[in-house]
Amino acid sequence: MFLHLTGVDERVIAQYDGQPLAGRFPTSLWRADDRLTDTIELPLARAFDPEHTHLWLGMYQLATLQRLIISDAQGQRLADDRIPIR
């Protein structure tokens, strides 16, 4: 999975890449109705204005780094295959 904190210009301020739940519950075991909570700490290398940022979440295939398709509740594919968190 990835978590990106970007400025309004879409430049990445901080990012995290890693397995959900630190690999303790592999996606191969997930069912469609599973709900998971994960805590991620983003390393911040520089100061930024939190009022002008966006936080994005997405998933990708580790072997190819290709993002998985993400759709909304109506089945519409989300831009850049990522979910806006904030």
PDB file of N, CA and C in Angstrom:
ATOM      1  N   MET A   1       0.841  -1.179   0.000  1.00  0.00           N
ATOM      2  CA  MET A   1       0.000   0.000   0.000  1.00  0.00           C
ATOM      3  C   MET A   1       0.878   1.231   0.000  1.00  0.00           C
ATOM      4  N   PHE A   2       0.287   2.353  -0.363  1.00  0.00           N
ATOM      5  CA  PHE A   2       1.015   3.611  -0.263  1.00  0.00           C
ATOM      6  C   PHE A   2       0.141   4.649   0.395  1.00  0.00           C
ATOM      7  N   LEU A   3       0.793   5.570   1.072  1.00  0.00           N
ATOM      8  CA  LEU A   3       0.147   6.716   1.677  1.00  0.00           C
ATOM      9  C   LEU A   3       0.995   7.920   1.273  1.00  0.00           C
ATOM     10  N   HIS A   4       0.377   8.864   0.572  1.00  0.00           N
ATOM     11  CA  HIS A   4       1.097  10.043   0.090  1.00  0.00           C
ATOM     12  C   HIS A   4       0.480  11.302   0.679  1.00  0.00           C
ATOM     13  N   LEU A   5       1.316  12.146   1.230  1.00  0.00           N
ATOM     14  CA  LEU A   5       0.919  13.487   1.635  1.00  0.00           C
ATOM     15  C   LEU A   5       1.453  14.417   0.556  1.00  0.00           C
ATOM     16  N   THR A   6       0.543  15.143  -0.105  1.00  0.00           N
ATOM     17  CA  THR A   6       0.955  16.035  -1.189  1.00  0.00           C
ATOM     18  C   THR A   6       0.513  17.453  -0.906  1.00  0.00           C
ATOM     19  N   GLY A   7       1.226  18.393  -1.524  1.00  0.00           N
ATOM     20  CA  GLY A   7       0.785  19.773  -1.509  1.00  0.00           C
ATOM     21  C   GLY A   7      -0.298  19.947  -2.559  1.00  0.00           C
ATOM     22  N   VAL A   8      -0.885  21.137  -2.624  1.00  0.00           N
ATOM     23  CA  VAL A   8      -1.925  21.381  -3.621  1.00  0.00           C
ATOM     24  C   VAL A   8      -1.373  21.263  -5.034  1.00  0.00           C
ATOM     25  N   ASP A   9      -0.050  21.377  -5.190  1.00  0.00           N
ATOM     26  CA  ASP A   9       0.584  21.215  -6.495  1.00  0.00           C
ATOM     27  C   ASP A   9       0.842  19.746  -6.833  1.00  0.00           C
ATOM     28  N   GLU A  10       0.396  18.832  -5.965  1.00  0.00           N
ATOM     29  CA  GLU A  10       0.534  17.375  -6.111  1.00  0.00           C
ATOM     30  C   GLU A  10       1.964  16.866  -5.895  1.00  0.00           C
ATOM     31  N   ARG A  11       2.874  17.727  -5.495  1.00  0.00           N
ATOM     32  CA  ARG A  11       4.220  17.242  -5.176  1.00  0.00           C
ATOM     33  C   ARG A  11       4.176  16.520  -3.837  1.00  0.00           C
ATOM     34  N   VAL A  12       4.858  15.393  -3.764  1.00  0.00           N
ATOM     35  CA  VAL A  12       4.858  14.571  -2.554  1.00  0.00           C
ATOM     36  C   VAL A  12       5.706  15.237  -1.470  1.00  0.00           C
ATOM     37  N   ILE A  13       5.090  15.438  -0.327  1.00  0.00           N
ATOM     38  CA  ILE A  13       5.774  15.992   0.849  1.00  0.00           C
ATOM     39  C   ILE A  13       6.323  14.853   1.702  1.00  0.00           C
ATOM     40  N   ALA A  14       5.534  13.800   1.842  1.00  0.00           N
ATOM     41  CA  ALA A  14       5.945  12.621   2.613  1.00  0.00           C
ATOM     42  C   ALA A  14       5.205  11.416   2.056  1.00  0.00           C
ATOM     43  N   GLN A  15       5.811  10.249   2.209  1.00  0.00           N
ATOM     44  CA  GLN A  15       5.144   9.047   1.737  1.00  0.00           C
ATOM     45  C   GLN A  15       5.524   7.841   2.564  1.00  0.00           C
ATOM     46  N   TYR A  16       4.659   6.846   2.507  1.00  0.00           N
ATOM     47  CA  TYR A  16       4.896   5.560   3.150  1.00  0.00           C
ATOM     48  C   TYR A  16       4.553   4.492   2.130  1.00  0.00           C
ATOM     49  N   ASP A  17       5.361   3.477   2.031  1.00  0.00           N
ATOM     50  CA  ASP A  17       5.072   2.296   1.223  1.00  0.00           C
ATOM     51  C   ASP A  17       5.342   1.087   2.091  1.00  0.00           C
ATOM     52  N   GLY A  18       4.406   0.177   2.128  1.00  0.00           N
ATOM     53  CA  GLY A  18       4.601  -1.032   2.924  1.00  0.00           C
ATOM     54  C   GLY A  18       3.368  -1.909   2.886  1.00  0.00           C
ATOM     55  N   GLN A  19       3.481  -3.061   3.481  1.00  0.00           N
ATOM     56  CA  GLN A  19       2.361  -3.984   3.525  1.00  0.00           C
ATOM     57  C   GLN A  19       1.369  -3.537   4.592  1.00  0.00           C
ATOM     58  N   PRO A  20       0.079  -3.674   4.307  1.00  0.00           N
ATOM     59  CA  PRO A  20      -0.927  -3.347   5.321  1.00  0.00           C
ATOM     60  C   PRO A  20      -0.677  -4.158   6.598  1.00  0.00           C
ATOM     61  N   LEU A  21      -0.888  -3.513   7.723  1.00  0.00           N
ATOM     62  CA  LEU A  21      -0.719  -4.144   9.032  1.00  0.00           C
ATOM     63  C   LEU A  21       0.660  -4.778   9.179  1.00  0.00           C
ATOM     64  N   ALA A  22       1.659  -4.144   8.570  1.00  0.00           N
ATOM     65  CA  ALA A  22       3.050  -4.617   8.626  1.00  0.00           C
ATOM     66  C   ALA A  22       3.179  -6.080   8.207  1.00  0.00           C
ATOM     67  N   GLY A  23       2.299  -6.519   7.304  1.00  0.00           N
ATOM     68  CA  GLY A  23       2.354  -7.877   6.782  1.00  0.00           C
ATOM     69  C   GLY A  23       1.725  -8.931   7.666  1.00  0.00           C
ATOM     70  N   ARG A  24       1.113  -8.525   8.781  1.00  0.00           N
ATOM     71  CA  ARG A  24       0.529  -9.493   9.725  1.00  0.00           C
ATOM     72  C   ARG A  24      -0.778 -10.107   9.237  1.00  0.00           C
ATOM     73  N   PHE A  25      -1.436  -9.496   8.254  1.00  0.00           N
ATOM     74  CA  PHE A  25      -2.692 -10.026   7.710  1.00  0.00           C
ATOM     75  C   PHE A  25      -2.626  -9.837   6.197  1.00  0.00           C
ATOM     76  N   PRO A  26      -1.964 -10.770   5.476  1.00  0.00           N
ATOM     77  CA  PRO A  26      -1.746 -10.608   4.037  1.00  0.00           C
ATOM     78  C   PRO A  26      -3.043 -10.422   3.251  1.00  0.00           C
ATOM     79  N   THR A  27      -2.964  -9.626   2.212  1.00  0.00           N
ATOM     80  CA  THR A  27      -4.155  -9.357   1.394  1.00  0.00           C
ATOM     81  C   THR A  27      -4.718 -10.629   0.776  1.00  0.00           C
ATOM     82  N   SER A  28      -3.918 -11.655   0.641  1.00  0.00           N
ATOM     83  CA  SER A  28      -4.415 -12.923   0.089  1.00  0.00           C
ATOM     84  C   SER A  28      -5.451 -13.564   1.007  1.00  0.00           C
ATOM     85  N   LEU A  29      -5.503 -13.125   2.275  1.00  0.00           N
ATOM     86  CA  LEU A  29      -6.477 -13.661   3.223  1.00  0.00           C
ATOM     87  C   LEU A  29      -7.711 -12.770   3.369  1.00  0.00           C
ATOM     88  N   TRP A  30      -7.702 -11.587   2.764  1.00  0.00           N
ATOM     89  CA  TRP A  30      -8.809 -10.647   2.918  1.00  0.00           C
ATOM     90  C   TRP A  30     -10.074 -11.171   2.244  1.00  0.00           C
ATOM     91  N   ARG A  31     -11.208 -10.842   2.860  1.00  0.00           N
ATOM     92  CA  ARG A  31     -12.524 -11.098   2.272  1.00  0.00           C
ATOM     93  C   ARG A  31     -13.153  -9.743   1.941  1.00  0.00           C
ATOM     94  N   ALA A  32     -14.142  -9.758   1.092  1.00  0.00           N
ATOM     95  CA  ALA A  32     -14.760  -8.508   0.618  1.00  0.00           C
ATOM     96  C   ALA A  32     -15.325  -7.663   1.756  1.00  0.00           C
ATOM     97  N   ASP A  33     -15.779  -8.261   2.840  1.00  0.00           N
ATOM     98  CA  ASP A  33     -16.410  -7.495   3.917  1.00  0.00           C
ATOM     99  C   ASP A  33     -15.459  -7.179   5.075  1.00  0.00           C
ATOM    100  N   ASP A  34     -14.181  -7.486   4.930  1.00  0.00           N
ATOM    101  CA  ASP A  34     -13.218  -7.189   5.992  1.00  0.00           C
ATOM    102  C   ASP A  34     -13.050  -5.688   6.171  1.00  0.00           C
ATOM    103  N   ARG A  35     -12.896  -5.260   7.408  1.00  0.00           N
ATOM    104  CA  ARG A  35     -12.607  -3.868   7.764  1.00  0.00           C
ATOM    105  C   ARG A  35     -11.327  -3.879   8.589  1.00  0.00           C
ATOM    106  N   LEU A  36     -10.355  -3.073   8.184  1.00  0.00           N
ATOM    107  CA  LEU A  36      -9.069  -3.063   8.853  1.00  0.00           C
ATOM    108  C   LEU A  36      -8.716  -1.663   9.309  1.00  0.00           C
ATOM    109  N   THR A  37      -8.003  -1.579  10.410  1.00  0.00           N
ATOM    110  CA  THR A  37      -7.467  -0.311  10.894  1.00  0.00           C
ATOM    111  C   THR A  37      -5.963  -0.467  10.986  1.00  0.00           C
ATOM    112  N   ASP A  38      -5.253   0.485  10.407  1.00  0.00           N
ATOM    113  CA  ASP A  38      -3.798   0.449  10.411  1.00  0.00           C
ATOM    114  C   ASP A  38      -3.290   1.821  10.852  1.00  0.00           C
ATOM    115  N   THR A  39      -2.198   1.850  11.563  1.00  0.00           N
ATOM    116  CA  THR A  39      -1.589   3.099  11.995  1.00  0.00           C
ATOM    117  C   THR A  39      -0.281   3.275  11.241  1.00  0.00           C
ATOM    118  N   ILE A  40      -0.150   4.413  10.569  1.00  0.00           N
ATOM    119  CA  ILE A  40       1.035   4.704   9.769  1.00  0.00           C
ATOM    120  C   ILE A  40       1.628   6.023  10.244  1.00  0.00           C
ATOM    121  N   GLU A  41       2.927   6.055  10.392  1.00  0.00           N
ATOM    122  CA  GLU A  41       3.627   7.295  10.698  1.00  0.00           C
ATOM    123  C   GLU A  41       4.363   7.740   9.443  1.00  0.00           C
ATOM    124  N   LEU A  42       4.084   8.975   9.013  1.00  0.00           N
ATOM    125  CA  LEU A  42       4.763   9.523   7.851  1.00  0.00           C
ATOM    126  C   LEU A  42       5.988  10.316   8.293  1.00  0.00           C
ATOM    127  N   PRO A  43       7.149  10.006   7.744  1.00  0.00           N
ATOM    128  CA  PRO A  43       8.334  10.799   8.067  1.00  0.00           C
ATOM    129  C   PRO A  43       8.262  12.149   7.347  1.00  0.00           C
ATOM    130  N   LEU A  44       8.398  13.227   8.078  1.00  0.00           N
ATOM    131  CA  LEU A  44       8.319  14.563   7.496  1.00  0.00           C
ATOM    132  C   LEU A  44       9.714  15.177   7.466  1.00  0.00           C
ATOM    133  N   ALA A  45      10.197  15.417   6.258  1.00  0.00           N
ATOM    134  CA  ALA A  45      11.548  15.946   6.092  1.00  0.00           C
ATOM    135  C   ALA A  45      11.586  17.466   6.081  1.00  0.00           C
ATOM    136  N   ARG A  46      10.414  18.079   5.894  1.00  0.00           N
ATOM    137  CA  ARG A  46      10.402  19.542   5.835  1.00  0.00           C
ATOM    138  C   ARG A  46       9.076  20.064   6.378  1.00  0.00           C
ATOM    139  N   ALA A  47       9.061  21.343   6.711  1.00  0.00           N
ATOM    140  CA  ALA A  47       7.839  21.974   7.203  1.00  0.00           C
ATOM    141  C   ALA A  47       6.864  22.150   6.038  1.00  0.00           C
ATOM    142  N   PHE A  48       5.581  22.163   6.361  1.00  0.00           N
ATOM    143  CA  PHE A  48       4.557  22.355   5.338  1.00  0.00           C
ATOM    144  C   PHE A  48       3.327  22.976   5.979  1.00  0.00           C
ATOM    145  N   ASP A  49       2.457  23.493   5.148  1.00  0.00           N
ATOM    146  CA  ASP A  49       1.212  24.098   5.612  1.00  0.00           C
ATOM    147  C   ASP A  49       0.116  23.032   5.564  1.00  0.00           C
ATOM    148  N   PRO A  50      -0.323  22.513   6.694  1.00  0.00           N
ATOM    149  CA  PRO A  50      -1.303  21.428   6.685  1.00  0.00           C
ATOM    150  C   PRO A  50      -2.641  21.809   6.060  1.00  0.00           C
ATOM    151  N   GLU A  51      -2.943  23.087   5.992  1.00  0.00           N
ATOM    152  CA  GLU A  51      -4.204  23.521   5.387  1.00  0.00           C
ATOM    153  C   GLU A  51      -4.194  23.359   3.865  1.00  0.00           C
ATOM    154  N   HIS A  52      -3.014  23.199   3.291  1.00  0.00           N
ATOM    155  CA  HIS A  52      -2.898  23.113   1.833  1.00  0.00           C
ATOM    156  C   HIS A  52      -2.256  21.798   1.416  1.00  0.00           C
ATOM    157  N   THR A  53      -2.749  20.719   2.011  1.00  0.00           N
ATOM    158  CA  THR A  53      -2.229  19.392   1.686  1.00  0.00           C
ATOM    159  C   THR A  53      -3.376  18.429   1.409  1.00  0.00           C
ATOM    160  N   HIS A  54      -3.023  17.318   0.795  1.00  0.00           N
ATOM    161  CA  HIS A  54      -3.960  16.224   0.551  1.00  0.00           C
ATOM    162  C   HIS A  54      -3.284  14.936   0.998  1.00  0.00           C
ATOM    163  N   LEU A  55      -4.075  14.014   1.529  1.00  0.00           N
ATOM    164  CA  LEU A  55      -3.572  12.712   1.943  1.00  0.00           C
ATOM    165  C   LEU A  55      -4.265  11.661   1.083  1.00  0.00           C
ATOM    166  N   TRP A  56      -3.482  10.788   0.470  1.00  0.00           N
ATOM    167  CA  TRP A  56      -3.999   9.785  -0.466  1.00  0.00           C
ATOM    168  C   TRP A  56      -3.572   8.385  -0.038  1.00  0.00           C
ATOM    169  N   LEU A  57      -4.461   7.411  -0.252  1.00  0.00           N
ATOM    170  CA  LEU A  57      -4.177   6.014   0.053  1.00  0.00           C
ATOM    171  C   LEU A  57      -4.431   5.184  -1.194  1.00  0.00           C
ATOM    172  N   GLY A  58      -3.570   4.216  -1.438  1.00  0.00           N
ATOM    173  CA  GLY A  58      -3.766   3.315  -2.570  1.00  0.00           C
ATOM    174  C   GLY A  58      -3.031   2.011  -2.351  1.00  0.00           C
ATOM    175  N   MET A  59      -3.274   1.094  -3.258  1.00  0.00           N
ATOM    176  CA  MET A  59      -2.651  -0.226  -3.191  1.00  0.00           C
ATOM    177  C   MET A  59      -1.970  -0.498  -4.530  1.00  0.00           C
ATOM    178  N   TYR A  60      -0.934  -1.331  -4.489  1.00  0.00           N
ATOM    179  CA  TYR A  60      -0.268  -1.708  -5.733  1.00  0.00           C
ATOM    180  C   TYR A  60       0.310  -3.107  -5.617  1.00  0.00           C
ATOM    181  N   GLN A  61       0.561  -3.715  -6.774  1.00  0.00           N
ATOM    182  CA  GLN A  61       1.203  -5.024  -6.829  1.00  0.00           C
ATOM    183  C   GLN A  61       2.687  -4.831  -6.551  1.00  0.00           C
ATOM    184  N   LEU A  62       3.213  -5.502  -5.559  1.00  0.00           N
ATOM    185  CA  LEU A  62       4.610  -5.332  -5.194  1.00  0.00           C
ATOM    186  C   LEU A  62       5.551  -5.738  -6.335  1.00  0.00           C
ATOM    187  N   ALA A  63       5.237  -6.809  -7.019  1.00  0.00           N
ATOM    188  CA  ALA A  63       6.129  -7.312  -8.070  1.00  0.00           C
ATOM    189  C   ALA A  63       6.253  -6.356  -9.255  1.00  0.00           C
ATOM    190  N   THR A  64       5.163  -5.636  -9.570  1.00  0.00           N
ATOM    191  CA  THR A  64       5.162  -4.780 -10.759  1.00  0.00           C
ATOM    192  C   THR A  64       5.085  -3.298 -10.432  1.00  0.00           C
ATOM    193  N   LEU A  65       4.742  -2.959  -9.190  1.00  0.00           N
ATOM    194  CA  LEU A  65       4.491  -1.588  -8.733  1.00  0.00           C
ATOM    195  C   LEU A  65       3.296  -0.949  -9.438  1.00  0.00           C
ATOM    196  N   GLN A  66       2.479  -1.759 -10.111  1.00  0.00           N
ATOM    197  CA  GLN A  66       1.274  -1.254 -10.779  1.00  0.00           C
ATOM    198  C   GLN A  66       0.164  -1.083  -9.753  1.00  0.00           C
ATOM    199  N   ARG A  67      -0.465   0.109  -9.771  1.00  0.00           N
ATOM    200  CA  ARG A  67      -1.551   0.384  -8.832  1.00  0.00           C
ATOM    201  C   ARG A  67      -2.765  -0.499  -9.124  1.00  0.00           C
ATOM    202  N   LEU A  68      -3.432  -0.900  -8.049  1.00  0.00           N
ATOM    203  CA  LEU A  68      -4.679  -1.638  -8.187  1.00  0.00           C
ATOM    204  C   LEU A  68      -5.793  -0.649  -8.495  1.00  0.00           C
ATOM    205  N   ILE A  69      -6.763  -1.095  -9.255  1.00  0.00           N
ATOM    206  CA  ILE A  69      -7.900  -0.239  -9.608  1.00  0.00           C
ATOM    207  C   ILE A  69      -8.741   0.007  -8.365  1.00  0.00           C
ATOM    208  N   ILE A  70      -9.076   1.267  -8.140  1.00  0.00           N
ATOM    209  CA  ILE A  70      -9.926   1.649  -7.013  1.00  0.00           C
ATOM    210  C   ILE A  70     -11.164   2.333  -7.567  1.00  0.00           C
ATOM    211  N   SER A  71     -12.323   1.860  -7.137  1.00  0.00           N
ATOM    212  CA  SER A  71     -13.610   2.400  -7.583  1.00  0.00           C
ATOM    213  C   SER A  71     -14.401   2.900  -6.393  1.00  0.00           C
ATOM    214  N   ASP A  72     -15.305   3.835  -6.670  1.00  0.00           N
ATOM    215  CA  ASP A  72     -16.173   4.335  -5.603  1.00  0.00           C
ATOM    216  C   ASP A  72     -17.377   3.415  -5.440  1.00  0.00           C
ATOM    217  N   ALA A  73     -18.293   3.761  -4.558  1.00  0.00           N
ATOM    218  CA  ALA A  73     -19.460   2.920  -4.258  1.00  0.00           C
ATOM    219  C   ALA A  73     -20.357   2.709  -5.472  1.00  0.00           C
ATOM    220  N   GLN A  74     -20.301   3.619  -6.439  1.00  0.00           N
ATOM    221  CA  GLN A  74     -21.100   3.490  -7.654  1.00  0.00           C
ATOM    222  C   GLN A  74     -20.359   2.756  -8.769  1.00  0.00           C
ATOM    223  N   GLY A  75     -19.154   2.299  -8.489  1.00  0.00           N
ATOM    224  CA  GLY A  75     -18.386   1.555  -9.474  1.00  0.00           C
ATOM    225  C   GLY A  75     -17.549   2.421 -10.403  1.00  0.00           C
ATOM    226  N   GLN A  76     -17.488   3.718 -10.131  1.00  0.00           N
ATOM    227  CA  GLN A  76     -16.688   4.624 -10.959  1.00  0.00           C
ATOM    228  C   GLN A  76     -15.236   4.585 -10.493  1.00  0.00           C
ATOM    229  N   ARG A  77     -14.339   4.418 -11.450  1.00  0.00           N
ATOM    230  CA  ARG A  77     -12.917   4.362 -11.117  1.00  0.00           C
ATOM    231  C   ARG A  77     -12.432   5.722 -10.619  1.00  0.00           C
ATOM    232  N   LEU A  78     -11.686   5.710  -9.521  1.00  0.00           N
ATOM    233  CA  LEU A  78     -11.144   6.949  -8.961  1.00  0.00           C
ATOM    234  C   LEU A  78      -9.887   7.372  -9.725  1.00  0.00           C
ATOM    235  N   ALA A  79      -9.715   8.666  -9.880  1.00  0.00           N
ATOM    236  CA  ALA A  79      -8.557   9.210 -10.580  1.00  0.00           C
ATOM    237  C   ALA A  79      -7.274   8.740  -9.908  1.00  0.00           C
ATOM    238  N   ASP A  80      -6.325   8.333 -10.681  1.00  0.00           N
ATOM    239  CA  ASP A  80      -5.012   7.881 -10.211  1.00  0.00           C
ATOM    240  C   ASP A  80      -5.094   6.675  -9.276  1.00  0.00           C
ATOM    241  N   ASP A  81      -6.254   6.022  -9.247  1.00  0.00           N
ATOM    242  CA  ASP A  81      -6.430   4.816  -8.422  1.00  0.00           C
ATOM    243  C   ASP A  81      -5.932   5.037  -6.994  1.00  0.00           C
ATOM    244  N   ARG A  82      -6.455   6.094  -6.384  1.00  0.00           N
ATOM    245  CA  ARG A  82      -6.121   6.410  -5.000  1.00  0.00           C
ATOM    246  C   ARG A  82      -7.344   7.001  -4.323  1.00  0.00           C
ATOM    247  N   ILE A  83      -7.403   6.829  -3.012  1.00  0.00           N
ATOM    248  CA  ILE A  83      -8.529   7.295  -2.216  1.00  0.00           C
ATOM    249  C   ILE A  83      -8.116   8.568  -1.484  1.00  0.00           C
ATOM    250  N   PRO A  84      -8.904   9.639  -1.615  1.00  0.00           N
ATOM    251  CA  PRO A  84      -8.579  10.831  -0.854  1.00  0.00           C
ATOM    252  C   PRO A  84      -8.967  10.632   0.616  1.00  0.00           C
ATOM    253  N   ILE A  85      -7.997  10.816   1.501  1.00  0.00           N
ATOM    254  CA  ILE A  85      -8.238  10.659   2.929  1.00  0.00           C
ATOM    255  C   ILE A  85      -8.525  12.025   3.557  1.00  0.00           C
ATOM    256  N   ARG A  86      -7.803  13.038   3.084  1.00  0.00           N
ATOM    257  CA  ARG A  86      -7.985  14.404   3.582  1.00  0.00           C
ATOM    258  C   ARG A  86      -7.614  15.377   2.495  1.00  0.00           C
TER     259      ARG A  86
END
